[in-house]
N, C-alpha and C. Protein backbone atom coordinates (compact mmCIF):
# COMPACT_ATOMS: atom_id res chain seq x y z
N MET A 1 103.31 85.78 97.08
CA MET A 1 104.68 86.12 97.43
C MET A 1 104.98 87.52 96.90
N ALA A 2 105.61 88.32 97.74
CA ALA A 2 106.00 89.66 97.30
C ALA A 2 107.53 89.74 97.19
N LEU A 3 107.99 90.14 96.01
CA LEU A 3 109.41 90.41 95.80
C LEU A 3 109.62 91.89 96.09
N THR A 4 110.58 92.21 96.96
CA THR A 4 110.85 93.61 97.29
C THR A 4 112.32 93.93 97.08
N PHE A 5 112.55 95.17 96.66
CA PHE A 5 113.90 95.63 96.34
C PHE A 5 114.13 96.97 97.03
N ASP A 6 115.17 97.05 97.84
CA ASP A 6 115.47 98.25 98.62
C ASP A 6 116.62 99.05 98.02
N ASP A 7 116.67 100.31 98.44
CA ASP A 7 117.82 101.22 98.31
C ASP A 7 117.97 101.93 96.98
N GLY A 8 117.21 101.60 95.96
CA GLY A 8 117.30 102.27 94.68
C GLY A 8 116.52 103.57 94.71
N PRO A 9 116.26 104.09 93.52
CA PRO A 9 116.60 103.54 92.21
C PRO A 9 118.01 103.91 91.75
N ASP A 10 118.46 103.21 90.72
CA ASP A 10 119.68 103.58 90.02
C ASP A 10 119.51 103.15 88.56
N THR A 11 120.52 103.42 87.74
CA THR A 11 120.39 103.07 86.32
C THR A 11 121.13 101.78 85.96
N ARG A 12 121.74 101.15 86.93
CA ARG A 12 122.46 99.92 86.64
C ARG A 12 121.65 98.69 87.02
N TYR A 13 121.43 98.51 88.31
CA TYR A 13 120.75 97.30 88.76
C TYR A 13 119.23 97.43 88.75
N THR A 14 118.72 98.60 89.12
CA THR A 14 117.26 98.75 89.14
C THR A 14 116.68 98.53 87.74
N THR A 15 117.31 99.11 86.74
CA THR A 15 116.80 98.95 85.38
C THR A 15 116.93 97.51 84.89
N ALA A 16 118.00 96.84 85.26
CA ALA A 16 118.16 95.41 84.89
C ALA A 16 117.07 94.57 85.56
N ILE A 17 116.77 94.86 86.83
CA ILE A 17 115.71 94.14 87.54
C ILE A 17 114.36 94.42 86.88
N LEU A 18 114.12 95.68 86.52
CA LEU A 18 112.86 96.01 85.85
C LEU A 18 112.71 95.26 84.52
N ASP A 19 113.80 95.12 83.79
CA ASP A 19 113.76 94.38 82.52
C ASP A 19 113.34 92.92 82.77
N ILE A 20 113.89 92.31 83.79
CA ILE A 20 113.56 90.91 84.11
C ILE A 20 112.10 90.79 84.55
N LEU A 21 111.67 91.68 85.43
CA LEU A 21 110.28 91.64 85.91
C LEU A 21 109.31 91.80 84.75
N LYS A 22 109.64 92.68 83.81
CA LYS A 22 108.78 92.91 82.65
C LYS A 22 108.72 91.64 81.79
N GLU A 23 109.89 91.06 81.55
CA GLU A 23 109.96 89.84 80.73
C GLU A 23 109.16 88.70 81.37
N LYS A 24 109.21 88.61 82.70
CA LYS A 24 108.54 87.52 83.42
C LYS A 24 107.09 87.88 83.79
N ASN A 25 106.68 89.12 83.48
CA ASN A 25 105.34 89.61 83.82
C ASN A 25 105.05 89.49 85.32
N VAL A 26 105.99 89.97 86.13
CA VAL A 26 105.89 89.92 87.59
C VAL A 26 105.91 91.35 88.13
N LYS A 27 105.03 91.61 89.10
CA LYS A 27 105.01 92.91 89.78
C LYS A 27 105.76 92.77 91.10
N ALA A 28 106.47 93.84 91.48
CA ALA A 28 107.27 93.83 92.71
C ALA A 28 107.07 95.16 93.43
N THR A 29 107.76 95.30 94.55
CA THR A 29 107.69 96.52 95.35
C THR A 29 109.10 97.05 95.53
N PHE A 30 109.27 98.34 95.29
CA PHE A 30 110.57 98.99 95.42
C PHE A 30 110.51 100.01 96.56
N PHE A 31 111.36 99.82 97.56
CA PHE A 31 111.48 100.76 98.67
C PHE A 31 112.64 101.68 98.34
N VAL A 32 112.30 102.92 98.02
CA VAL A 32 113.29 103.85 97.45
C VAL A 32 113.80 104.85 98.49
N VAL A 33 115.04 105.25 98.28
CA VAL A 33 115.72 106.20 99.15
C VAL A 33 115.66 107.58 98.47
N GLY A 34 115.33 108.59 99.23
CA GLY A 34 115.14 109.94 98.69
C GLY A 34 116.32 110.46 97.90
N THR A 35 117.54 110.25 98.41
CA THR A 35 118.72 110.75 97.70
C THR A 35 118.86 110.09 96.33
N GLN A 36 118.47 108.83 96.22
CA GLN A 36 118.53 108.12 94.93
C GLN A 36 117.42 108.59 93.99
N VAL A 37 116.26 108.88 94.55
CA VAL A 37 115.14 109.38 93.75
C VAL A 37 115.54 110.70 93.08
N LYS A 38 116.23 111.55 93.84
CA LYS A 38 116.68 112.84 93.29
C LYS A 38 117.63 112.64 92.10
N LYS A 39 118.48 111.60 92.18
CA LYS A 39 119.44 111.34 91.11
C LYS A 39 118.80 110.67 89.90
N TYR A 40 117.80 109.83 90.13
CA TYR A 40 117.26 108.99 89.06
C TYR A 40 115.73 109.04 89.00
N PRO A 41 115.16 110.24 88.83
CA PRO A 41 113.69 110.35 88.80
C PRO A 41 113.05 109.55 87.67
N ASP A 42 113.73 109.45 86.53
CA ASP A 42 113.14 108.72 85.40
C ASP A 42 113.01 107.23 85.69
N VAL A 43 113.93 106.69 86.48
CA VAL A 43 113.84 105.26 86.85
C VAL A 43 112.65 105.07 87.81
N LEU A 44 112.45 106.01 88.72
CA LEU A 44 111.28 105.93 89.61
C LEU A 44 109.99 105.95 88.79
N LYS A 45 109.92 106.84 87.82
CA LYS A 45 108.74 106.90 86.95
C LYS A 45 108.52 105.56 86.25
N ARG A 46 109.59 104.98 85.75
CA ARG A 46 109.47 103.70 85.04
C ARG A 46 108.93 102.61 85.97
N ILE A 47 109.41 102.57 87.21
CA ILE A 47 108.94 101.57 88.17
C ILE A 47 107.42 101.61 88.26
N VAL A 48 106.88 102.81 88.43
CA VAL A 48 105.43 102.96 88.60
C VAL A 48 104.69 102.73 87.28
N GLU A 49 105.24 103.24 86.18
CA GLU A 49 104.61 103.04 84.87
C GLU A 49 104.48 101.56 84.52
N GLU A 50 105.41 100.75 85.02
CA GLU A 50 105.37 99.31 84.71
C GLU A 50 104.56 98.52 85.74
N GLY A 51 103.87 99.24 86.63
CA GLY A 51 102.90 98.58 87.51
C GLY A 51 103.42 98.10 88.85
N HIS A 52 104.61 98.52 89.23
CA HIS A 52 105.16 98.11 90.52
C HIS A 52 104.75 99.09 91.62
N ALA A 53 104.84 98.64 92.85
CA ALA A 53 104.52 99.49 93.99
C ALA A 53 105.79 100.16 94.51
N ILE A 54 105.57 101.32 95.13
CA ILE A 54 106.68 102.12 95.68
C ILE A 54 106.48 102.26 97.18
N GLY A 55 107.58 102.22 97.91
CA GLY A 55 107.56 102.52 99.33
C GLY A 55 108.68 103.47 99.69
N ASN A 56 108.48 104.21 100.76
CA ASN A 56 109.49 105.14 101.29
C ASN A 56 110.49 104.32 102.11
N HIS A 57 111.78 104.55 101.87
CA HIS A 57 112.84 103.85 102.59
C HIS A 57 113.79 104.87 103.23
N SER A 58 113.24 106.06 103.52
CA SER A 58 113.92 107.19 104.17
C SER A 58 114.72 108.02 103.16
N GLN A 59 115.16 109.17 103.62
CA GLN A 59 115.90 110.07 102.74
C GLN A 59 117.36 109.64 102.56
N ASN A 60 118.01 109.27 103.68
CA ASN A 60 119.46 109.01 103.65
C ASN A 60 119.87 107.62 104.13
N HIS A 61 118.90 106.71 104.30
CA HIS A 61 119.17 105.34 104.74
C HIS A 61 119.90 105.30 106.08
N LYS A 62 119.46 106.11 107.03
CA LYS A 62 120.02 106.10 108.37
C LYS A 62 119.30 105.08 109.23
N ASP A 63 119.93 104.66 110.31
CA ASP A 63 119.29 103.79 111.30
C ASP A 63 118.30 104.65 112.09
N LEU A 64 117.04 104.58 111.71
CA LEU A 64 116.02 105.44 112.32
C LEU A 64 115.74 105.09 113.77
N SER A 65 116.10 103.89 114.19
CA SER A 65 115.85 103.48 115.58
C SER A 65 116.72 104.26 116.56
N LYS A 66 117.73 104.94 116.04
CA LYS A 66 118.65 105.70 116.89
C LYS A 66 118.39 107.21 116.83
N LEU A 67 117.33 107.60 116.10
CA LEU A 67 117.06 109.02 115.91
C LEU A 67 115.88 109.49 116.77
N THR A 68 115.80 110.80 116.94
CA THR A 68 114.68 111.40 117.68
C THR A 68 113.45 111.42 116.77
N LYS A 69 112.31 111.69 117.35
CA LYS A 69 111.06 111.78 116.60
C LYS A 69 111.19 112.82 115.47
N GLU A 70 111.79 113.96 115.79
CA GLU A 70 111.95 115.02 114.80
C GLU A 70 112.87 114.59 113.65
N GLN A 71 113.96 113.90 114.01
CA GLN A 71 114.89 113.42 112.97
C GLN A 71 114.23 112.35 112.09
N ILE A 72 113.46 111.47 112.71
CA ILE A 72 112.74 110.44 111.96
C ILE A 72 111.76 111.09 110.99
N ALA A 73 110.98 112.04 111.51
CA ALA A 73 109.99 112.72 110.67
C ALA A 73 110.67 113.40 109.48
N LYS A 74 111.83 114.01 109.71
CA LYS A 74 112.55 114.69 108.63
C LYS A 74 112.99 113.69 107.56
N GLU A 75 113.50 112.52 107.98
CA GLU A 75 113.93 111.48 107.02
C GLU A 75 112.75 111.00 106.17
N ILE A 76 111.59 110.81 106.80
CA ILE A 76 110.40 110.36 106.07
C ILE A 76 109.89 111.48 105.16
N ASP A 77 109.79 112.68 105.71
CA ASP A 77 109.22 113.80 104.95
C ASP A 77 110.08 114.19 103.74
N GLN A 78 111.39 114.17 103.90
CA GLN A 78 112.27 114.52 102.78
C GLN A 78 112.15 113.49 101.65
N ALA A 79 112.10 112.21 102.02
CA ALA A 79 111.93 111.17 100.99
C ALA A 79 110.55 111.29 100.35
N ASP A 80 109.52 111.56 101.16
CA ASP A 80 108.18 111.79 100.61
C ASP A 80 108.20 112.90 99.58
N ALA A 81 108.87 114.01 99.91
CA ALA A 81 108.92 115.17 99.02
C ALA A 81 109.62 114.81 97.71
N ALA A 82 110.71 114.05 97.80
CA ALA A 82 111.44 113.64 96.59
C ALA A 82 110.55 112.76 95.71
N ILE A 83 109.84 111.82 96.33
CA ILE A 83 108.95 110.92 95.59
C ILE A 83 107.78 111.70 95.00
N GLU A 84 107.18 112.57 95.82
CA GLU A 84 106.02 113.34 95.37
C GLU A 84 106.39 114.29 94.22
N ASP A 85 107.60 114.83 94.24
CA ASP A 85 108.07 115.69 93.14
C ASP A 85 108.03 114.95 91.80
N VAL A 86 108.31 113.66 91.84
CA VAL A 86 108.38 112.85 90.62
C VAL A 86 107.03 112.23 90.27
N LEU A 87 106.34 111.70 91.26
CA LEU A 87 105.13 110.92 91.00
C LEU A 87 103.82 111.66 91.27
N GLY A 88 103.90 112.73 92.08
CA GLY A 88 102.68 113.46 92.41
C GLY A 88 101.93 112.93 93.62
N TYR A 89 102.50 111.96 94.30
CA TYR A 89 101.88 111.44 95.53
C TYR A 89 102.95 110.89 96.47
N LYS A 90 102.54 110.74 97.74
CA LYS A 90 103.41 110.14 98.75
C LYS A 90 103.05 108.66 98.87
N PRO A 91 104.03 107.80 99.05
CA PRO A 91 103.71 106.38 99.19
C PRO A 91 103.13 106.05 100.56
N GLU A 92 102.28 105.05 100.59
CA GLU A 92 101.67 104.59 101.84
C GLU A 92 102.61 103.61 102.58
N LEU A 93 103.40 102.88 101.79
CA LEU A 93 104.28 101.86 102.37
C LEU A 93 105.57 102.48 102.87
N PHE A 94 106.11 101.88 103.93
CA PHE A 94 107.39 102.32 104.49
C PHE A 94 108.17 101.10 104.95
N ARG A 95 109.46 101.09 104.67
CA ARG A 95 110.35 100.07 105.22
C ARG A 95 111.51 100.78 105.88
N ALA A 96 111.79 100.37 107.12
CA ALA A 96 112.89 100.97 107.88
C ALA A 96 114.23 100.46 107.37
N PRO A 97 115.19 101.37 107.15
CA PRO A 97 116.54 100.92 106.80
C PRO A 97 117.06 99.92 107.85
N TYR A 98 117.67 98.85 107.39
CA TYR A 98 118.22 97.78 108.23
C TYR A 98 117.12 97.02 108.98
N GLY A 99 115.88 97.35 108.76
CA GLY A 99 114.79 96.74 109.53
C GLY A 99 114.83 97.19 110.98
N ALA A 100 115.56 98.26 111.26
CA ALA A 100 115.76 98.73 112.63
C ALA A 100 114.55 99.54 113.09
N LEU A 101 113.87 99.04 114.10
CA LEU A 101 112.66 99.68 114.60
C LEU A 101 112.83 100.16 116.03
N SER A 102 112.08 101.19 116.37
CA SER A 102 111.99 101.67 117.75
C SER A 102 110.53 102.03 117.99
N GLN A 103 110.16 102.19 119.25
CA GLN A 103 108.79 102.61 119.54
C GLN A 103 108.52 103.99 118.94
N THR A 104 109.53 104.86 118.96
CA THR A 104 109.39 106.21 118.40
C THR A 104 109.09 106.13 116.90
N LEU A 105 109.81 105.27 116.20
CA LEU A 105 109.58 105.12 114.76
C LEU A 105 108.18 104.57 114.51
N LYS A 106 107.80 103.52 115.23
CA LYS A 106 106.47 102.93 115.04
C LYS A 106 105.37 103.96 115.28
N LYS A 107 105.54 104.75 116.34
CA LYS A 107 104.54 105.78 116.66
C LYS A 107 104.48 106.84 115.56
N THR A 108 105.64 107.26 115.08
CA THR A 108 105.69 108.26 114.01
C THR A 108 105.01 107.74 112.74
N LEU A 109 105.26 106.48 112.39
CA LEU A 109 104.64 105.90 111.20
C LEU A 109 103.12 105.83 111.36
N LYS A 110 102.68 105.48 112.57
CA LYS A 110 101.24 105.41 112.83
C LYS A 110 100.61 106.80 112.67
N GLU A 111 101.27 107.81 113.21
CA GLU A 111 100.77 109.19 113.08
C GLU A 111 100.72 109.64 111.63
N LYS A 112 101.65 109.13 110.82
CA LYS A 112 101.69 109.50 109.40
C LYS A 112 100.86 108.54 108.55
N ASP A 113 100.15 107.62 109.21
CA ASP A 113 99.26 106.68 108.55
C ASP A 113 99.98 105.85 107.49
N ARG A 114 101.15 105.32 107.87
CA ARG A 114 101.96 104.51 106.97
C ARG A 114 101.85 103.03 107.34
N LYS A 115 102.01 102.20 106.32
CA LYS A 115 102.05 100.75 106.53
C LYS A 115 103.52 100.34 106.58
N LEU A 116 103.93 99.81 107.72
CA LEU A 116 105.30 99.33 107.90
C LEU A 116 105.42 97.95 107.26
N VAL A 117 106.41 97.79 106.41
CA VAL A 117 106.61 96.52 105.70
C VAL A 117 107.96 95.93 106.10
N GLY A 118 107.93 94.73 106.62
CA GLY A 118 109.15 94.00 106.94
C GLY A 118 109.41 92.97 105.84
N TRP A 119 109.92 91.81 106.26
CA TRP A 119 110.16 90.72 105.31
C TRP A 119 110.16 89.40 106.05
N THR A 120 109.97 88.33 105.30
CA THR A 120 110.01 86.98 105.88
C THR A 120 111.24 86.20 105.42
N VAL A 121 111.84 86.63 104.31
CA VAL A 121 113.04 85.98 103.78
C VAL A 121 114.07 87.07 103.45
N ASP A 122 115.25 86.97 104.07
CA ASP A 122 116.34 87.91 103.81
C ASP A 122 117.41 87.21 102.99
N THR A 123 117.61 87.66 101.76
CA THR A 123 118.60 87.04 100.88
C THR A 123 120.03 87.41 101.25
N ARG A 124 120.19 88.49 102.03
CA ARG A 124 121.51 89.02 102.36
C ARG A 124 122.34 89.25 101.09
N ASP A 125 121.65 89.71 100.06
CA ASP A 125 122.31 89.92 98.76
C ASP A 125 123.38 91.00 98.82
N TRP A 126 123.19 91.99 99.66
CA TRP A 126 124.16 93.10 99.79
C TRP A 126 125.51 92.62 100.32
N ALA A 127 125.50 91.46 101.01
CA ALA A 127 126.72 90.96 101.67
C ALA A 127 127.58 90.09 100.74
N GLY A 128 127.13 89.90 99.51
CA GLY A 128 127.91 89.08 98.59
C GLY A 128 127.55 87.60 98.65
N THR A 129 126.36 87.30 99.19
CA THR A 129 125.89 85.91 99.25
C THR A 129 125.85 85.35 97.83
N SER A 130 126.27 84.11 97.68
CA SER A 130 126.32 83.51 96.34
C SER A 130 124.90 83.31 95.81
N ILE A 131 124.81 83.24 94.49
CA ILE A 131 123.52 83.00 93.83
C ILE A 131 122.92 81.70 94.32
N LYS A 132 123.73 80.67 94.40
CA LYS A 132 123.27 79.35 94.86
C LYS A 132 122.70 79.44 96.27
N ASP A 133 123.42 80.09 97.17
CA ASP A 133 122.96 80.20 98.56
C ASP A 133 121.68 81.03 98.67
N MET A 134 121.58 82.10 97.88
CA MET A 134 120.37 82.93 97.92
C MET A 134 119.16 82.12 97.42
N ARG A 135 119.35 81.37 96.36
CA ARG A 135 118.24 80.55 95.84
C ARG A 135 117.80 79.52 96.87
N GLU A 136 118.76 78.93 97.57
CA GLU A 136 118.43 77.96 98.63
C GLU A 136 117.67 78.61 99.77
N VAL A 137 118.14 79.78 100.21
CA VAL A 137 117.47 80.50 101.30
C VAL A 137 116.02 80.80 100.91
N ILE A 138 115.83 81.27 99.70
CA ILE A 138 114.48 81.59 99.23
C ILE A 138 113.64 80.32 99.14
N SER A 139 114.18 79.29 98.54
CA SER A 139 113.43 78.04 98.37
C SER A 139 113.06 77.42 99.71
N ASN A 140 114.01 77.41 100.65
CA ASN A 140 113.78 76.75 101.95
C ASN A 140 112.93 77.56 102.92
N ASN A 141 112.87 78.88 102.74
CA ASN A 141 112.20 79.72 103.73
C ASN A 141 110.93 80.41 103.22
N SER A 142 110.57 80.18 101.98
CA SER A 142 109.37 80.83 101.45
C SER A 142 108.13 80.14 101.95
N LYS A 143 107.16 80.97 102.33
CA LYS A 143 105.85 80.51 102.80
C LYS A 143 104.80 81.39 102.13
N PRO A 144 103.57 80.90 102.05
CA PRO A 144 102.52 81.75 101.48
C PRO A 144 102.45 83.10 102.19
N ASN A 145 102.19 84.15 101.41
CA ASN A 145 102.12 85.54 101.90
C ASN A 145 103.47 86.05 102.41
N GLY A 146 104.54 85.46 101.92
CA GLY A 146 105.88 85.88 102.31
C GLY A 146 106.34 87.11 101.55
N ILE A 147 107.37 87.74 102.13
CA ILE A 147 107.96 88.93 101.53
C ILE A 147 109.47 88.70 101.47
N ILE A 148 110.01 88.73 100.26
CA ILE A 148 111.45 88.47 100.06
C ILE A 148 112.19 89.79 99.94
N LEU A 149 113.22 89.95 100.76
CA LEU A 149 114.05 91.16 100.77
C LEU A 149 115.25 91.00 99.85
N MET A 150 115.32 91.91 98.86
CA MET A 150 116.47 92.00 97.98
C MET A 150 116.79 93.49 97.81
N HIS A 151 117.81 93.79 97.06
CA HIS A 151 118.20 95.18 96.84
C HIS A 151 118.36 95.45 95.36
N SER A 152 118.11 96.72 94.98
CA SER A 152 118.30 97.12 93.58
C SER A 152 119.41 98.16 93.46
N PHE A 153 120.09 98.40 94.57
CA PHE A 153 121.21 99.34 94.61
C PHE A 153 121.97 99.06 95.90
N GLY A 154 123.25 99.42 95.94
CA GLY A 154 123.97 99.28 97.20
C GLY A 154 125.26 98.51 97.11
N GLY A 155 125.89 98.49 95.96
CA GLY A 155 127.20 97.83 95.88
C GLY A 155 127.26 96.80 94.77
N LYS A 156 128.47 96.36 94.50
CA LYS A 156 128.70 95.45 93.37
C LYS A 156 128.04 94.09 93.53
N HIS A 157 127.75 93.69 94.79
CA HIS A 157 127.15 92.37 95.01
C HIS A 157 125.73 92.27 94.47
N ILE A 158 125.10 93.39 94.20
CA ILE A 158 123.73 93.36 93.70
C ILE A 158 123.69 92.73 92.30
N ALA A 159 124.83 92.64 91.64
CA ALA A 159 124.89 91.92 90.35
C ALA A 159 124.40 90.48 90.53
N ASN A 160 124.69 89.86 91.68
CA ASN A 160 124.21 88.50 91.94
C ASN A 160 122.69 88.45 92.01
N THR A 161 122.07 89.48 92.54
CA THR A 161 120.61 89.54 92.62
C THR A 161 120.03 89.54 91.21
N VAL A 162 120.61 90.35 90.35
CA VAL A 162 120.14 90.43 88.97
C VAL A 162 120.28 89.07 88.29
N LYS A 163 121.42 88.42 88.47
CA LYS A 163 121.65 87.11 87.85
C LYS A 163 120.71 86.05 88.40
N MET A 164 120.39 86.14 89.69
CA MET A 164 119.57 85.13 90.36
C MET A 164 118.09 85.28 90.06
N LEU A 165 117.63 86.51 89.83
CA LEU A 165 116.20 86.81 89.81
C LEU A 165 115.37 85.96 88.84
N PRO A 166 115.78 85.78 87.58
CA PRO A 166 114.94 84.96 86.69
C PRO A 166 114.73 83.54 87.22
N ASP A 167 115.78 82.94 87.76
CA ASP A 167 115.67 81.58 88.28
C ASP A 167 114.79 81.52 89.52
N VAL A 168 114.88 82.54 90.38
CA VAL A 168 114.05 82.57 91.59
C VAL A 168 112.58 82.70 91.21
N ILE A 169 112.29 83.55 90.25
CA ILE A 169 110.90 83.68 89.79
C ILE A 169 110.41 82.34 89.26
N ASP A 170 111.24 81.67 88.45
CA ASP A 170 110.86 80.35 87.93
C ASP A 170 110.69 79.34 89.06
N ASP A 171 111.63 79.32 90.02
CA ASP A 171 111.55 78.38 91.16
C ASP A 171 110.24 78.56 91.91
N LEU A 172 109.92 79.81 92.25
CA LEU A 172 108.73 80.09 93.05
C LEU A 172 107.45 79.79 92.26
N THR A 173 107.47 80.06 90.97
CA THR A 173 106.31 79.75 90.13
C THR A 173 106.08 78.24 90.12
N LYS A 174 107.15 77.47 89.99
CA LYS A 174 107.04 76.00 90.01
C LYS A 174 106.48 75.50 91.34
N GLN A 175 106.79 76.23 92.42
CA GLN A 175 106.28 75.86 93.75
C GLN A 175 104.83 76.30 93.95
N GLY A 176 104.26 76.96 92.95
CA GLY A 176 102.85 77.34 93.01
C GLY A 176 102.58 78.76 93.49
N TYR A 177 103.61 79.55 93.65
CA TYR A 177 103.41 80.92 94.12
C TYR A 177 102.99 81.84 92.98
N THR A 178 102.18 82.83 93.34
CA THR A 178 101.88 83.94 92.45
C THR A 178 102.50 85.17 93.09
N PHE A 179 102.75 86.18 92.29
CA PHE A 179 103.46 87.35 92.78
C PHE A 179 102.51 88.53 92.94
N VAL A 180 102.66 89.20 94.07
CA VAL A 180 101.85 90.37 94.40
C VAL A 180 102.78 91.48 94.89
N THR A 181 102.25 92.69 94.99
CA THR A 181 103.02 93.77 95.58
C THR A 181 102.78 93.74 97.09
N ALA A 182 103.71 94.32 97.84
CA ALA A 182 103.68 94.24 99.30
C ALA A 182 102.41 94.83 99.89
N ASP A 183 101.84 95.85 99.25
CA ASP A 183 100.62 96.45 99.79
C ASP A 183 99.45 95.47 99.79
N GLU A 184 99.52 94.42 99.00
CA GLU A 184 98.47 93.40 98.99
C GLU A 184 98.61 92.43 100.16
N LEU A 185 99.73 92.50 100.88
CA LEU A 185 99.97 91.56 101.98
C LEU A 185 99.92 92.22 103.37
N VAL A 186 100.16 93.52 103.44
CA VAL A 186 100.23 94.19 104.76
C VAL A 186 98.92 94.92 105.02
N GLU A 187 98.61 95.03 106.31
CA GLU A 187 97.36 95.71 106.69
C GLU A 187 97.66 97.11 107.21
């Protein structure tokens, strides 16, 4: 099972999530936004130093399915540059904001030799879904080699994700799951 967190980094929720993952000895994948990387480079460094995987989640979190090839390339390249400035490399993984895909985006990602990562379980944590409901969604919809979508930035509702995370890790462990980063699941 891969735990994934979108839209960060930040110093409020991302760092709280990192503390929990460290305590539970779990590795996760963070899909980061270029504008956030520019604000919080030290948090990005910490993510990688603690053994988590990084993916590009665009520069400005725009709906890439509505953009031209040139606009898509700019969103990917700007986020790559922000990440590379901090880490010294560009990530191989990519997740489209909102999961919104187009043939143009898919073609651009293929040309850039990126692995597109979706998800199998959407917690809808950004929408203010209750902790109880998110745990149920995860418990009822998790399957081997699944990818759980959560967020580490993006509004006050992410506090529920932080509160829920230790219990979800325990729930999934009891169900026999082990945790991997998304690059171990996608081809």
